[in-house]
Protein backbone atom coordinates (compact mmCIF):
# COMPACT_ATOMS: atom_id res chain seq x y z
CA MET A 1 0.00 0.00 0.00
CA PRO A 2 1.46 3.40 -0.98
CA LYS A 3 2.44 5.77 1.79
CA SER A 4 0.57 9.02 2.27
CA LYS A 5 2.26 12.40 1.96
CA LEU A 6 2.14 12.79 5.74
CA GLN A 7 3.87 9.41 6.26
CA LYS A 8 6.57 10.36 3.75
CA GLN A 9 7.15 13.69 5.52
CA GLU A 10 7.53 11.85 8.83
CA ILE A 11 10.04 9.39 7.28
CA PHE A 12 11.95 12.33 5.77
CA ARG A 13 12.07 14.13 9.16
CA SER A 14 13.17 10.94 10.88
CA LEU A 15 15.92 10.27 8.32
CA THR A 16 17.17 13.87 8.51
CA GLU A 17 17.44 13.71 12.32
CA LYS A 18 19.14 10.29 12.26
CA ILE A 19 21.73 11.53 9.75
CA LYS A 20 22.43 14.63 11.88
CA LYS A 21 23.00 12.73 15.12
CA SER A 22 24.90 9.74 13.68
CA LYS A 23 28.69 9.53 13.77
CA SER A 24 28.83 7.41 10.63
CA VAL A 25 26.39 6.26 7.96
CA ILE A 26 26.80 3.12 5.88
CA PHE A 27 24.82 2.31 2.76
CA VAL A 28 24.21 -1.37 2.07
CA GLY A 29 22.40 -3.18 -0.70
CA PHE A 30 20.37 -6.24 0.08
CA ASN A 31 18.74 -9.02 -1.91
CA ALA A 32 16.39 -11.66 -0.51
CA LEU A 33 17.40 -10.96 3.08
CA GLY A 34 14.96 -13.07 5.09
CA VAL A 35 13.02 -11.90 8.12
CA LYS A 36 15.15 -13.99 10.49
CA ASP A 37 18.43 -12.63 9.05
CA ASN A 38 17.01 -9.11 9.04
CA GLU A 39 15.98 -9.27 12.70
CA GLU A 40 19.32 -10.83 13.69
CA LEU A 41 21.15 -7.99 11.95
CA ARG A 42 18.95 -5.31 13.56
CA THR A 43 19.48 -6.85 17.01
CA LYS A 44 23.26 -6.93 16.62
CA LEU A 45 23.27 -3.32 15.45
CA ARG A 46 21.07 -2.21 18.38
CA THR A 47 23.54 -3.74 20.86
CA GLU A 48 26.25 -1.48 19.38
CA ASN A 49 23.94 1.58 19.40
CA GLY A 50 23.37 1.41 15.66
CA GLU A 51 20.25 1.32 13.54
CA TYR A 52 19.27 -0.41 10.29
CA TYR A 53 16.77 1.62 8.27
CA VAL A 54 15.16 0.93 4.91
CA ALA A 55 13.45 3.72 2.97
CA LYS A 56 12.82 4.80 -0.60
CA LYS A 57 15.84 6.16 -2.42
CA THR A 58 14.04 9.46 -3.10
CA LEU A 59 13.44 10.07 0.60
CA ILE A 60 17.02 9.12 1.43
CA ASN A 61 18.32 11.55 -1.20
CA LEU A 62 16.12 14.37 0.14
CA ALA A 63 17.36 13.75 3.69
CA LEU A 64 20.99 13.71 2.51
CA GLU A 65 20.47 16.96 0.57
CA ASP A 66 18.89 18.53 3.65
CA ASN A 67 22.06 17.63 5.58
CA LYS A 68 24.22 19.07 2.76
CA ILE A 69 25.72 15.69 1.87
CA ASP A 70 26.48 15.32 -1.81
CA ILE A 71 25.70 11.70 -2.63
CA ASN A 72 23.04 10.30 -4.94
CA VAL A 73 21.58 7.06 -3.64
CA ARG A 74 19.77 6.50 -6.96
CA ASP A 75 23.15 5.57 -8.44
CA PHE A 76 23.19 2.44 -6.28
CA GLU A 77 21.65 -0.64 -7.83
CA GLY A 78 18.87 -2.55 -6.10
CA LYS A 79 17.36 -1.95 -2.68
CA VAL A 80 19.25 0.33 -0.33
CA ALA A 81 19.35 0.34 3.47
CA ILE A 82 21.06 2.88 5.68
CA ILE A 83 22.90 1.89 8.83
CA PHE A 84 23.37 4.67 11.36
CA SER A 85 26.01 4.54 14.08
CA TYR A 86 25.47 6.75 17.11
CA GLU A 87 28.54 5.76 19.19
CA ASP A 88 31.27 3.68 17.58
CA GLU A 89 31.89 4.75 13.99
CA VAL A 90 33.33 1.38 12.94
CA ALA A 91 31.01 -1.06 14.78
CA PRO A 92 28.23 -1.24 12.13
CA ALA A 93 30.74 -1.91 9.36
CA LYS A 94 32.28 -4.68 11.48
CA ILE A 95 28.85 -6.21 12.17
CA ILE A 96 27.95 -6.24 8.48
CA GLY A 97 31.42 -7.58 7.65
CA THR A 98 31.08 -10.52 10.04
CA PHE A 99 27.49 -11.08 8.88
CA ARG A 100 28.77 -11.29 5.29
CA GLN A 101 31.43 -13.89 6.16
CA ASN A 102 28.70 -16.51 6.20
CA LYS A 103 28.79 -17.58 2.53
CA GLU A 104 25.00 -17.78 2.22
CA GLN A 105 24.40 -14.42 3.87
CA GLY A 106 27.36 -12.78 2.11
CA LYS A 107 25.43 -12.73 -1.15
CA LYS A 108 22.36 -11.22 0.47
CA ILE A 109 23.91 -8.00 1.80
CA PHE A 110 26.79 -5.91 0.47
CA PHE A 111 28.45 -2.53 1.02
CA LEU A 112 27.61 0.36 -1.30
CA GLY A 113 29.41 3.23 0.41
CA GLY A 114 29.26 5.41 3.47
CA ILE A 115 29.85 8.68 5.24
CA LEU A 116 32.37 9.17 8.03
CA ASP A 117 33.07 12.60 9.55
CA GLY A 118 31.35 14.25 6.58
CA LYS A 119 33.63 12.46 4.10
CA LEU A 120 32.16 10.14 1.51
CA LEU A 121 33.51 6.59 1.52
CA SER A 122 33.58 4.14 -1.35
CA LYS A 123 32.48 0.55 -0.87
CA GLU A 124 36.15 -0.51 -0.74
CA GLU A 125 36.84 1.97 2.07
CA VAL A 126 33.82 0.74 4.03
CA GLU A 127 35.02 -2.85 3.48
CA ALA A 128 38.42 -1.82 4.89
CA LEU A 129 36.66 -0.21 7.88
CA SER A 130 34.88 -3.49 8.56
CA LYS A 131 38.26 -5.20 9.02
CA LEU A 132 39.58 -2.68 11.58
CA PRO A 133 39.53 -3.51 15.29
CA SER A 134 36.69 -1.94 17.27
CA LYS A 135 37.19 1.01 19.63
CA SER A 136 37.12 -1.23 22.70
CA GLU A 137 39.76 -3.53 21.17
CA LEU A 138 41.97 -0.53 20.38
CA TYR A 139 41.50 0.83 23.91
CA ALA A 140 42.48 -2.55 25.36
CA LYS A 141 45.64 -2.64 23.22
CA LEU A 142 46.51 0.92 24.26
CA VAL A 143 46.03 0.16 27.95
CA GLY A 144 48.13 -3.00 27.56
CA SER A 145 50.89 -1.01 25.86
CA ILE A 146 50.83 1.64 28.57
CA ASN A 147 50.71 -0.99 31.34
CA ALA A 148 53.62 -3.10 30.01
CA PRO A 149 56.48 -0.79 31.12
CA ILE A 150 54.83 -0.23 34.51
CA SER A 151 54.41 -3.94 35.20
CA GLY A 152 58.01 -4.51 34.06
CA PHE A 153 59.19 -1.83 36.50
CA VAL A 154 57.17 -3.42 39.32
CA ASN A 155 58.74 -6.81 38.54
CA VAL A 156 62.25 -5.28 38.67
CA LEU A 157 61.52 -3.68 42.04
CA ALA A 158 60.01 -6.92 43.34
CA GLY A 159 63.12 -8.77 42.14
CA ASN A 160 65.34 -6.50 44.27
CA LEU A 161 63.12 -7.14 47.30
CA ARG A 162 63.20 -10.89 46.66
CA GLY A 163 66.98 -10.74 46.41
CA LEU A 164 67.22 -8.85 49.70
CA VAL A 165 64.95 -11.39 51.42
CA THR A 166 67.08 -14.25 50.04
CA VAL A 167 70.29 -12.64 51.32
CA LEU A 168 68.77 -12.00 54.76
CA LYS A 169 67.53 -15.62 54.91
CA ALA A 170 71.02 -16.87 53.99
CA ILE A 171 72.56 -14.72 56.76
CA GLU A 172 69.99 -16.03 59.24
CA GLU A 173 70.77 -19.66 58.32
CA LYS A 174 74.50 -19.04 58.70
CA LYS A 175 74.10 -17.74 62.23
């Protein structure tokens, strides 16, 4: 059933707001994505504070124009979905990337492009983003790198104390 003008205006307003408040936007194409796969994908994206949204290309283009983003979604073939990321810029790309690794599902959804910090990304760049470690993984590596010299220093100091205790024990045994 066709949408009324009022419904289209509401979708347009919603898309415009989502684009404004998102840190990154990823465009994906999808073919024969089943309800179960679709819900699984939406759930995974929600856990990472992302959102999967399907709308008509015309409404998407109008919302992008309203946000002064120069990209024409009509150039993409097939059905287009937008994935918004409100926290971690890379998380949605990673989720789609892991979702695509399943050979059967890999044919059903594919990258078309994206927007990150106002810069347009090609599908190859979004694919590369999907292979990057997440923010939490990078934070963990950073903390580990910062912690390594400190724990090494603590071990050196503990070694001196152990040596002192060993010497004192040896003196005690001698007497």
